[in-house]
Amino acid sequence: MSTGELACTYASLLLHDDGIAITSEKIATLVKAAGVSVESYWPSLFAKLAEKRSIDDLILNAGSGGAAAPVAVSAPAGGAGGAVAAAAPAVEEKKEEVQEESDDGDLGFGLFD
């Protein structure tokens, strides 16, 4: 990651953390105040990303190794009193427990006795 990308990332996170709208001008202002010079296109790219994706989702899925599948939530047809269909529950991964075999007591001796 280049210093320009890193500086714009930190600037975007700072703006998000303070609840300020993430715009290319604000990112460029923060980067300039930090004394970092970046290519002129980086702030606008990060601002466009912030418009299209939730920063919270990006933070939470940073280590997931891929894009998370979005959960579809739809309103019932006909507008039934403003009720919203419940989102599908998340699928829990089952972890297999590896049980080690014990050689103790089988023949009264072990390999390294």
C-alpha atoms as a PDB file:
ATOM      1  CA  MET A   1       0.000   0.000   0.000  1.00  0.00           C
ATOM      2  CA  SER A   2       1.398   3.369  -0.946  1.00  0.00           C
ATOM      3  CA  THR A   3       1.623   6.290   1.457  1.00  0.00           C
ATOM      4  CA  GLY A   4      -1.102   8.045  -0.543  1.00  0.00           C
ATOM      5  CA  GLU A   5      -3.497   5.153  -0.076  1.00  0.00           C
ATOM      6  CA  LEU A   6      -2.627   4.851   3.591  1.00  0.00           C
ATOM      7  CA  ALA A   7      -3.053   8.584   4.215  1.00  0.00           C
ATOM      8  CA  CYS A   8      -6.449   8.607   2.493  1.00  0.00           C
ATOM      9  CA  THR A   9      -7.498   5.505   4.437  1.00  0.00           C
ATOM     10  CA  TYR A  10      -6.663   7.154   7.751  1.00  0.00           C
ATOM     11  CA  ALA A  11      -8.346  10.398   6.702  1.00  0.00           C
ATOM     12  CA  SER A  12     -11.509   8.497   5.728  1.00  0.00           C
ATOM     13  CA  LEU A  13     -11.507   6.640   9.040  1.00  0.00           C
ATOM     14  CA  LEU A  14     -11.059   9.884  10.967  1.00  0.00           C
ATOM     15  CA  LEU A  15     -13.969  11.514   9.151  1.00  0.00           C
ATOM     16  CA  HIS A  16     -16.149   8.450   9.669  1.00  0.00           C
ATOM     17  CA  ASP A  17     -15.270   8.228  13.356  1.00  0.00           C
ATOM     18  CA  ASP A  18     -16.262  11.866  13.887  1.00  0.00           C
ATOM     19  CA  GLY A  19     -19.512  11.402  11.950  1.00  0.00           C
ATOM     20  CA  ILE A  20     -18.459  13.841   9.221  1.00  0.00           C
ATOM     21  CA  ALA A  21     -19.438  13.228   5.596  1.00  0.00           C
ATOM     22  CA  ILE A  22     -16.538  11.752   3.653  1.00  0.00           C
ATOM     23  CA  THR A  23     -15.786  13.952   0.637  1.00  0.00           C
ATOM     24  CA  SER A  24     -12.707  14.257  -1.533  1.00  0.00           C
ATOM     25  CA  GLU A  25     -12.174  17.845  -0.339  1.00  0.00           C
ATOM     26  CA  LYS A  26     -12.206  16.844   3.332  1.00  0.00           C
ATOM     27  CA  ILE A  27      -9.888  13.907   2.713  1.00  0.00           C
ATOM     28  CA  ALA A  28      -7.482  16.155   0.790  1.00  0.00           C
ATOM     29  CA  THR A  29      -7.586  18.740   3.600  1.00  0.00           C
ATOM     30  CA  LEU A  30      -6.744  16.151   6.268  1.00  0.00           C
ATOM     31  CA  VAL A  31      -3.961  14.634   4.170  1.00  0.00           C
ATOM     32  CA  LYS A  32      -2.476  18.077   3.494  1.00  0.00           C
ATOM     33  CA  ALA A  33      -2.687  18.981   7.201  1.00  0.00           C
ATOM     34  CA  ALA A  34      -0.768  15.783   7.985  1.00  0.00           C
ATOM     35  CA  GLY A  35       1.997  16.916   5.660  1.00  0.00           C
ATOM     36  CA  VAL A  36       1.578  14.017   3.240  1.00  0.00           C
ATOM     37  CA  SER A  37       1.570  14.552  -0.505  1.00  0.00           C
ATOM     38  CA  VAL A  38      -0.738  12.242  -2.463  1.00  0.00           C
ATOM     39  CA  GLU A  39      -1.717  11.887  -6.084  1.00  0.00           C
ATOM     40  CA  SER A  40      -4.746  14.036  -6.856  1.00  0.00           C
ATOM     41  CA  TYR A  41      -6.980  11.059  -7.691  1.00  0.00           C
ATOM     42  CA  TRP A  42      -6.691   9.246  -4.332  1.00  0.00           C
ATOM     43  CA  PRO A  43      -9.075  11.472  -2.311  1.00  0.00           C
ATOM     44  CA  SER A  44     -11.787  11.266  -4.971  1.00  0.00           C
ATOM     45  CA  LEU A  45     -11.457   7.467  -5.207  1.00  0.00           C
ATOM     46  CA  PHE A  46     -11.835   7.091  -1.455  1.00  0.00           C
ATOM     47  CA  ALA A  47     -14.810   9.489  -1.417  1.00  0.00           C
ATOM     48  CA  LYS A  48     -16.532   7.471  -4.163  1.00  0.00           C
ATOM     49  CA  LEU A  49     -15.881   4.266  -2.220  1.00  0.00           C
ATOM     50  CA  ALA A  50     -17.420   5.797   0.901  1.00  0.00           C
ATOM     51  CA  GLU A  51     -20.512   6.740  -1.118  1.00  0.00           C
ATOM     52  CA  LYS A  52     -21.025   3.204  -2.402  1.00  0.00           C
ATOM     53  CA  ARG A  53     -19.977   1.095   0.600  1.00  0.00           C
ATOM     54  CA  SER A  54     -20.530   1.467   4.308  1.00  0.00           C
ATOM     55  CA  ILE A  55     -17.279   2.183   6.144  1.00  0.00           C
ATOM     56  CA  ASP A  56     -18.540   0.035   9.031  1.00  0.00           C
ATOM     57  CA  ASP A  57     -18.942  -2.927   6.652  1.00  0.00           C
ATOM     58  CA  LEU A  58     -15.462  -2.378   5.267  1.00  0.00           C
ATOM     59  CA  ILE A  59     -13.987  -2.322   8.757  1.00  0.00           C
ATOM     60  CA  LEU A  60     -15.865  -5.392   9.936  1.00  0.00           C
ATOM     61  CA  ASN A  61     -15.010  -7.418   6.836  1.00  0.00           C
ATOM     62  CA  ALA A  62     -11.389  -6.347   6.554  1.00  0.00           C
ATOM     63  CA  GLY A  63      -9.978  -9.722   7.553  1.00  0.00           C
ATOM     64  CA  SER A  64     -12.618 -11.902   5.954  1.00  0.00           C
ATOM     65  CA  GLY A  65     -10.576 -12.593   2.830  1.00  0.00           C
ATOM     66  CA  GLY A  66     -13.375 -11.686   0.449  1.00  0.00           C
ATOM     67  CA  ALA A  67     -16.578  -9.806   0.003  1.00  0.00           C
ATOM     68  CA  ALA A  68     -19.331 -10.802   2.380  1.00  0.00           C
ATOM     69  CA  ALA A  69     -22.593 -11.902   0.834  1.00  0.00           C
ATOM     70  CA  PRO A  70     -25.249  -9.258   1.392  1.00  0.00           C
ATOM     71  CA  VAL A  71     -28.397 -10.315   3.218  1.00  0.00           C
ATOM     72  CA  ALA A  72     -31.505  -9.390   1.269  1.00  0.00           C
ATOM     73  CA  VAL A  73     -34.278  -7.747   3.252  1.00  0.00           C
ATOM     74  CA  SER A  74     -37.468  -7.013   1.369  1.00  0.00           C
ATOM     75  CA  ALA A  75     -40.758  -5.386   2.303  1.00  0.00           C
ATOM     76  CA  PRO A  76     -43.863  -7.514   1.816  1.00  0.00           C
ATOM     77  CA  ALA A  77     -45.908  -6.842  -1.294  1.00  0.00           C
ATOM     78  CA  GLY A  78     -48.801  -4.452  -0.774  1.00  0.00           C
ATOM     79  CA  GLY A  79     -47.151  -2.587   2.099  1.00  0.00           C
ATOM     80  CA  ALA A  80     -48.669  -4.614   4.953  1.00  0.00           C
ATOM     81  CA  GLY A  81     -48.552  -2.014   7.713  1.00  0.00           C
ATOM     82  CA  GLY A  82     -44.898  -1.131   7.133  1.00  0.00           C
ATOM     83  CA  ALA A  83     -43.682  -4.501   8.398  1.00  0.00           C
ATOM     84  CA  VAL A  84     -40.323  -5.594   7.084  1.00  0.00           C
ATOM     85  CA  ALA A  85     -39.451  -9.221   6.488  1.00  0.00           C
ATOM     86  CA  ALA A  86     -36.875 -10.555   8.917  1.00  0.00           C
ATOM     87  CA  ALA A  87     -33.368 -11.049   7.622  1.00  0.00           C
ATOM     88  CA  ALA A  88     -32.115 -14.583   7.253  1.00  0.00           C
ATOM     89  CA  PRO A  89     -30.131 -15.700  10.294  1.00  0.00           C
ATOM     90  CA  ALA A  90     -26.397 -15.960   9.855  1.00  0.00           C
ATOM     91  CA  VAL A  91     -25.076 -19.443   9.267  1.00  0.00           C
ATOM     92  CA  GLU A  92     -22.840 -20.580  12.083  1.00  0.00           C
ATOM     93  CA  GLU A  93     -19.739 -22.510  11.186  1.00  0.00           C
ATOM     94  CA  LYS A  94     -19.291 -25.737  13.039  1.00  0.00           C
ATOM     95  CA  LYS A  95     -15.784 -26.331  14.242  1.00  0.00           C
ATOM     96  CA  GLU A  96     -14.666 -29.900  14.279  1.00  0.00           C
ATOM     97  CA  GLU A  97     -12.915 -30.907  17.431  1.00  0.00           C
ATOM     98  CA  VAL A  98      -9.849 -32.988  16.814  1.00  0.00           C
ATOM     99  CA  GLN A  99      -9.442 -35.646  19.434  1.00  0.00           C
ATOM    100  CA  GLU A 100      -5.955 -36.928  19.905  1.00  0.00           C
ATOM    101  CA  GLU A 101      -5.589 -40.635  20.310  1.00  0.00           C
ATOM    102  CA  SER A 102      -3.916 -41.701  23.480  1.00  0.00           C
ATOM    103  CA  ASP A 103      -1.415 -44.530  23.404  1.00  0.00           C
ATOM    104  CA  ASP A 104      -1.268 -44.638  27.186  1.00  0.00           C
ATOM    105  CA  GLY A 105      -2.560 -47.899  28.612  1.00  0.00           C
ATOM    106  CA  ASP A 106      -3.041 -49.689  25.294  1.00  0.00           C
ATOM    107  CA  LEU A 107      -0.084 -52.043  25.591  1.00  0.00           C
ATOM    108  CA  GLY A 108       1.429 -50.816  28.811  1.00  0.00           C
ATOM    109  CA  PHE A 109       4.255 -48.933  27.084  1.00  0.00           C
ATOM    110  CA  GLY A 110       4.642 -46.012  24.754  1.00  0.00           C
ATOM    111  CA  LEU A 111       6.939 -45.223  21.862  1.00  0.00           C
ATOM    112  CA  PHE A 112       9.277 -43.033  23.912  1.00  0.00           C
ATOM    113  CA  ASP A 113       9.236 -44.940  27.238  1.00  0.00           C
END
